[in-house]
């Protein structure tokens, strides 16, 4: 089962523990787990404050149109390899 990672401070980080199950909304099949347990949220906020000025200036729609982000196929979890090591 795929355990989703979190993008924090410029790195993909896996949370602690098993995580919560995530289900396909149509079939009910469990497709992944995710957790934020053990993540350093203070570090994440600080990183955003220091590095996120360009992103903060963008609208929600502009963020969605960013190269790479617009190519994520969430329905089948076929995520672009650019987002993972």
C-alpha atoms as a PDB file:
ATOM      1  CA  UNK A   1       0.000   0.000   0.000  1.00  0.00           C
ATOM      2  CA  UNK A   2       1.317   3.433  -0.915  1.00  0.00           C
ATOM      3  CA  UNK A   3       2.061   5.730   2.026  1.00  0.00           C
ATOM      4  CA  UNK A   4       1.893   9.333   0.856  1.00  0.00           C
ATOM      5  CA  UNK A   5       4.684  11.681   1.809  1.00  0.00           C
ATOM      6  CA  UNK A   6       4.460  15.346   2.753  1.00  0.00           C
ATOM      7  CA  UNK A   7       6.402  18.094   0.974  1.00  0.00           C
ATOM      8  CA  UNK A   8       7.960  20.074   3.835  1.00  0.00           C
ATOM      9  CA  UNK A   9      10.753  22.635   3.579  1.00  0.00           C
ATOM     10  CA  UNK A  10      11.783  21.516   0.111  1.00  0.00           C
ATOM     11  CA  UNK A  11      11.852  17.793   0.879  1.00  0.00           C
ATOM     12  CA  UNK A  12       9.479  14.847   0.693  1.00  0.00           C
ATOM     13  CA  UNK A  13       9.064  13.505   4.234  1.00  0.00           C
ATOM     14  CA  UNK A  14       7.119  10.502   5.451  1.00  0.00           C
ATOM     15  CA  UNK A  15       5.158  10.986   8.669  1.00  0.00           C
ATOM     16  CA  UNK A  16       5.460   8.597  11.605  1.00  0.00           C
ATOM     17  CA  UNK A  17       3.201   5.608  12.122  1.00  0.00           C
ATOM     18  CA  UNK A  18       0.846   3.788   9.795  1.00  0.00           C
ATOM     19  CA  UNK A  19      -1.280   6.805   8.893  1.00  0.00           C
ATOM     20  CA  UNK A  20      -4.947   7.092   8.067  1.00  0.00           C
ATOM     21  CA  UNK A  21      -6.442   5.141   5.180  1.00  0.00           C
ATOM     22  CA  UNK A  22      -7.508   7.061   2.062  1.00  0.00           C
ATOM     23  CA  UNK A  23     -10.261   5.602  -0.088  1.00  0.00           C
ATOM     24  CA  UNK A  24     -11.320   5.876  -3.717  1.00  0.00           C
ATOM     25  CA  UNK A  25     -14.577   7.842  -3.536  1.00  0.00           C
ATOM     26  CA  UNK A  26     -16.180   5.770  -6.300  1.00  0.00           C
ATOM     27  CA  UNK A  27     -15.129   2.202  -5.532  1.00  0.00           C
ATOM     28  CA  UNK A  28     -14.462   2.467  -1.804  1.00  0.00           C
ATOM     29  CA  UNK A  29     -11.115   0.737  -2.335  1.00  0.00           C
ATOM     30  CA  UNK A  30      -8.308   1.818  -0.019  1.00  0.00           C
ATOM     31  CA  UNK A  31      -5.699   3.470  -2.252  1.00  0.00           C
ATOM     32  CA  UNK A  32      -3.113   4.896   0.160  1.00  0.00           C
ATOM     33  CA  UNK A  33      -2.375   5.996   3.693  1.00  0.00           C
ATOM     34  CA  UNK A  34      -1.205   9.407   4.908  1.00  0.00           C
ATOM     35  CA  UNK A  35      -0.040  10.934   8.170  1.00  0.00           C
ATOM     36  CA  UNK A  36       1.400  14.180   9.464  1.00  0.00           C
ATOM     37  CA  UNK A  37       2.402  12.673  12.795  1.00  0.00           C
ATOM     38  CA  UNK A  38       5.935  13.636  13.785  1.00  0.00           C
ATOM     39  CA  UNK A  39       6.324  16.413  11.196  1.00  0.00           C
ATOM     40  CA  UNK A  40       7.960  19.693  12.184  1.00  0.00           C
ATOM     41  CA  UNK A  41       5.210  22.226  11.443  1.00  0.00           C
ATOM     42  CA  UNK A  42       7.249  25.120  12.830  1.00  0.00           C
ATOM     43  CA  UNK A  43       9.941  24.313  10.247  1.00  0.00           C
ATOM     44  CA  UNK A  44       7.292  24.151   7.520  1.00  0.00           C
ATOM     45  CA  UNK A  45       5.871  27.556   8.480  1.00  0.00           C
ATOM     46  CA  UNK A  46       9.311  29.138   8.684  1.00  0.00           C
ATOM     47  CA  UNK A  47      10.257  27.738   5.263  1.00  0.00           C
ATOM     48  CA  UNK A  48       7.051  29.135   3.786  1.00  0.00           C
ATOM     49  CA  UNK A  49       7.708  32.554   5.285  1.00  0.00           C
ATOM     50  CA  UNK A  50      11.255  32.627   3.919  1.00  0.00           C
ATOM     51  CA  UNK A  51      10.745  31.006   0.506  1.00  0.00           C
ATOM     52  CA  UNK A  52       7.066  31.411  -0.325  1.00  0.00           C
ATOM     53  CA  UNK A  53       6.719  35.030  -1.421  1.00  0.00           C
ATOM     54  CA  UNK A  54       6.180  34.149  -5.110  1.00  0.00           C
ATOM     55  CA  UNK A  55       3.617  31.477  -4.264  1.00  0.00           C
ATOM     56  CA  UNK A  56       1.729  33.799  -1.896  1.00  0.00           C
ATOM     57  CA  UNK A  57       1.303  36.304  -4.723  1.00  0.00           C
ATOM     58  CA  UNK A  58      -0.388  33.697  -6.946  1.00  0.00           C
ATOM     59  CA  UNK A  59      -4.120  33.015  -7.045  1.00  0.00           C
ATOM     60  CA  UNK A  60      -5.457  29.534  -6.367  1.00  0.00           C
ATOM     61  CA  UNK A  61      -6.073  29.122 -10.114  1.00  0.00           C
ATOM     62  CA  UNK A  62      -2.527  30.212 -10.998  1.00  0.00           C
ATOM     63  CA  UNK A  63      -1.098  27.681  -8.549  1.00  0.00           C
ATOM     64  CA  UNK A  64      -3.187  24.953 -10.157  1.00  0.00           C
ATOM     65  CA  UNK A  65      -1.795  25.810 -13.578  1.00  0.00           C
ATOM     66  CA  UNK A  66       1.838  25.503 -12.486  1.00  0.00           C
ATOM     67  CA  UNK A  67       3.885  23.128 -14.628  1.00  0.00           C
ATOM     68  CA  UNK A  68       4.005  19.725 -12.971  1.00  0.00           C
ATOM     69  CA  UNK A  69       1.070  20.391 -10.654  1.00  0.00           C
ATOM     70  CA  UNK A  70      -1.389  20.432 -13.547  1.00  0.00           C
ATOM     71  CA  UNK A  71      -0.165  17.004 -14.662  1.00  0.00           C
ATOM     72  CA  UNK A  72      -0.959  15.158 -11.432  1.00  0.00           C
ATOM     73  CA  UNK A  73      -3.482  12.385 -12.055  1.00  0.00           C
ATOM     74  CA  UNK A  74      -4.955  12.160  -8.558  1.00  0.00           C
ATOM     75  CA  UNK A  75      -7.773   9.829  -9.569  1.00  0.00           C
ATOM     76  CA  UNK A  76      -5.343   7.010 -10.296  1.00  0.00           C
ATOM     77  CA  UNK A  77      -2.350   8.242  -8.236  1.00  0.00           C
ATOM     78  CA  UNK A  78      -0.141   8.302 -11.341  1.00  0.00           C
ATOM     79  CA  UNK A  79       1.929  11.151  -9.957  1.00  0.00           C
ATOM     80  CA  UNK A  80       4.693  12.725 -11.999  1.00  0.00           C
ATOM     81  CA  UNK A  81       8.111  11.305 -11.154  1.00  0.00           C
ATOM     82  CA  UNK A  82       9.335  14.887 -10.623  1.00  0.00           C
ATOM     83  CA  UNK A  83       7.522  14.884  -7.281  1.00  0.00           C
ATOM     84  CA  UNK A  84       9.258  11.807  -5.921  1.00  0.00           C
ATOM     85  CA  UNK A  85      12.837  10.596  -5.567  1.00  0.00           C
END
